[in-house]
Protein backbone atom coordinates (compact mmCIF):
# COMPACT_ATOMS: atom_id res chain seq x y z
CA MET A 1 -13.18 -15.03 -20.59
CA ALA A 2 -13.94 -11.40 -20.29
CA ILE A 3 -17.18 -12.22 -18.62
CA LEU A 4 -15.49 -14.51 -16.03
CA ALA A 5 -12.96 -11.86 -15.30
CA LEU A 6 -15.62 -9.31 -14.59
CA ASP A 7 -17.77 -11.62 -12.58
CA ARG A 8 -14.89 -12.95 -10.50
CA ALA A 9 -12.55 -9.96 -10.31
CA GLU A 10 -11.49 -10.41 -6.87
CA THR A 11 -10.79 -14.17 -7.17
CA LEU A 12 -8.95 -13.49 -10.32
CA ALA A 13 -6.89 -10.69 -8.63
CA ALA A 14 -6.03 -12.88 -5.53
CA LEU A 15 -4.94 -15.67 -7.90
CA VAL A 16 -2.64 -13.37 -9.99
CA ALA A 17 -1.29 -11.23 -7.29
CA PRO A 18 1.19 -13.81 -5.76
CA PRO A 19 2.90 -14.78 -9.04
CA ILE A 20 3.25 -11.13 -10.06
CA GLU A 21 4.73 -10.16 -6.54
CA PHE A 22 7.26 -13.29 -6.95
CA ILE A 23 8.28 -12.00 -10.38
CA SER A 24 8.64 -8.51 -8.95
CA ASN A 25 10.86 -9.59 -6.20
CA ALA A 26 12.95 -12.04 -8.42
CA LEU A 27 13.78 -9.23 -11.03
CA ARG A 28 14.60 -6.61 -8.26
CA ALA A 29 18.11 -7.73 -8.47
CA VAL A 30 18.29 -7.31 -12.27
CA VAL A 31 16.83 -3.76 -12.16
CA TRP A 32 19.36 -2.86 -9.48
CA VAL A 33 22.30 -4.12 -11.87
CA PHE A 34 20.70 -2.16 -14.74
CA GLU A 35 20.52 0.99 -12.63
CA ARG A 36 24.06 0.79 -11.44
CA SER A 37 25.23 0.06 -15.14
CA ALA A 38 23.21 3.10 -16.37
CA GLU A 39 24.86 5.32 -13.64
CA VAL A 40 28.41 4.32 -14.79
CA LEU A 41 27.55 4.60 -18.43
CA LEU A 42 25.81 7.84 -18.05
CA ARG A 43 28.27 9.73 -15.55
CA PRO A 44 30.70 10.94 -18.21
CA PHE A 45 27.61 12.74 -19.76
CA GLY A 46 26.67 14.53 -16.63
CA VAL A 47 23.86 12.54 -15.72
CA ARG A 48 24.20 11.92 -11.86
CA GLU A 49 21.06 10.16 -10.74
CA VAL A 50 19.22 7.07 -12.50
CA VAL A 51 16.24 5.97 -10.94
CA ALA A 52 14.26 3.04 -12.44
CA GLY A 53 10.24 2.67 -11.57
CA GLU A 54 9.90 5.76 -9.42
CA GLY A 55 6.72 5.33 -7.61
CA VAL A 56 4.16 6.97 -5.48
CA ARG A 57 5.89 7.75 -2.13
CA SER A 58 2.89 8.98 -0.01
CA ALA A 59 -0.81 8.64 0.49
CA ALA A 60 -1.15 12.37 -0.37
CA GLU A 61 0.79 11.90 -3.57
CA LEU A 62 -1.57 8.98 -4.58
CA GLN A 63 -4.66 11.19 -3.76
CA ALA A 64 -3.29 13.91 -5.85
CA LEU A 65 -2.79 11.45 -8.66
CA VAL A 66 -6.21 10.05 -8.27
CA ASP A 67 -7.72 13.69 -8.23
CA GLU A 68 -5.82 14.59 -11.47
CA ALA A 69 -7.19 11.25 -13.03
CA GLU A 70 -10.77 12.06 -12.12
CA ALA A 71 -10.48 15.61 -13.39
CA ALA A 72 -9.15 14.35 -16.69
CA GLY A 73 -12.07 11.92 -17.02
CA VAL A 74 -9.79 8.94 -16.88
CA ILE A 75 -11.70 7.36 -13.73
CA PRO A 76 -15.28 7.96 -12.65
CA ARG A 77 -16.08 9.91 -9.43
CA ALA A 78 -17.13 6.73 -7.50
CA GLN A 79 -13.75 5.04 -8.10
CA LYS A 80 -11.90 8.31 -7.13
CA GLU A 81 -13.76 8.12 -3.82
CA LEU A 82 -13.01 4.49 -3.45
CA LEU A 83 -9.24 5.07 -4.05
CA HIS A 84 -9.22 7.91 -1.58
CA MET A 85 -10.68 5.65 1.14
CA SER A 86 -8.11 3.02 0.18
CA SER A 87 -5.22 5.26 0.49
CA THR A 88 -6.28 6.79 3.51
CA SER A 89 -6.71 3.36 5.07
CA LEU A 90 -3.30 2.29 3.85
CA ALA A 91 -1.47 5.53 5.12
CA GLY A 92 -3.00 4.85 8.52
CA ARG A 93 -1.64 1.12 8.71
CA LEU A 94 1.83 2.31 7.44
CA ARG A 95 2.19 4.89 10.31
CA THR A 96 1.65 2.37 13.10
């Protein structure tokens, strides 16, 4: 199975992505309910902001994270360059 995943990584990713996106969208309402509940429960303790799943907000932030990962040895330089090219391409599409 591991060899199949390595040999056909793009095909496997294309097959797995739609169900993951569906589950993500389906659970979005559940996450919203949990966030609101947490806000209500934590307000008496002085916690004013509850945010679930804070993600990367810009291409520059993604590039900074990739740089950090490469510097720490988590990803190789070639992967860093590929991710930089991808994030730059994505940023261009989001602006238009």
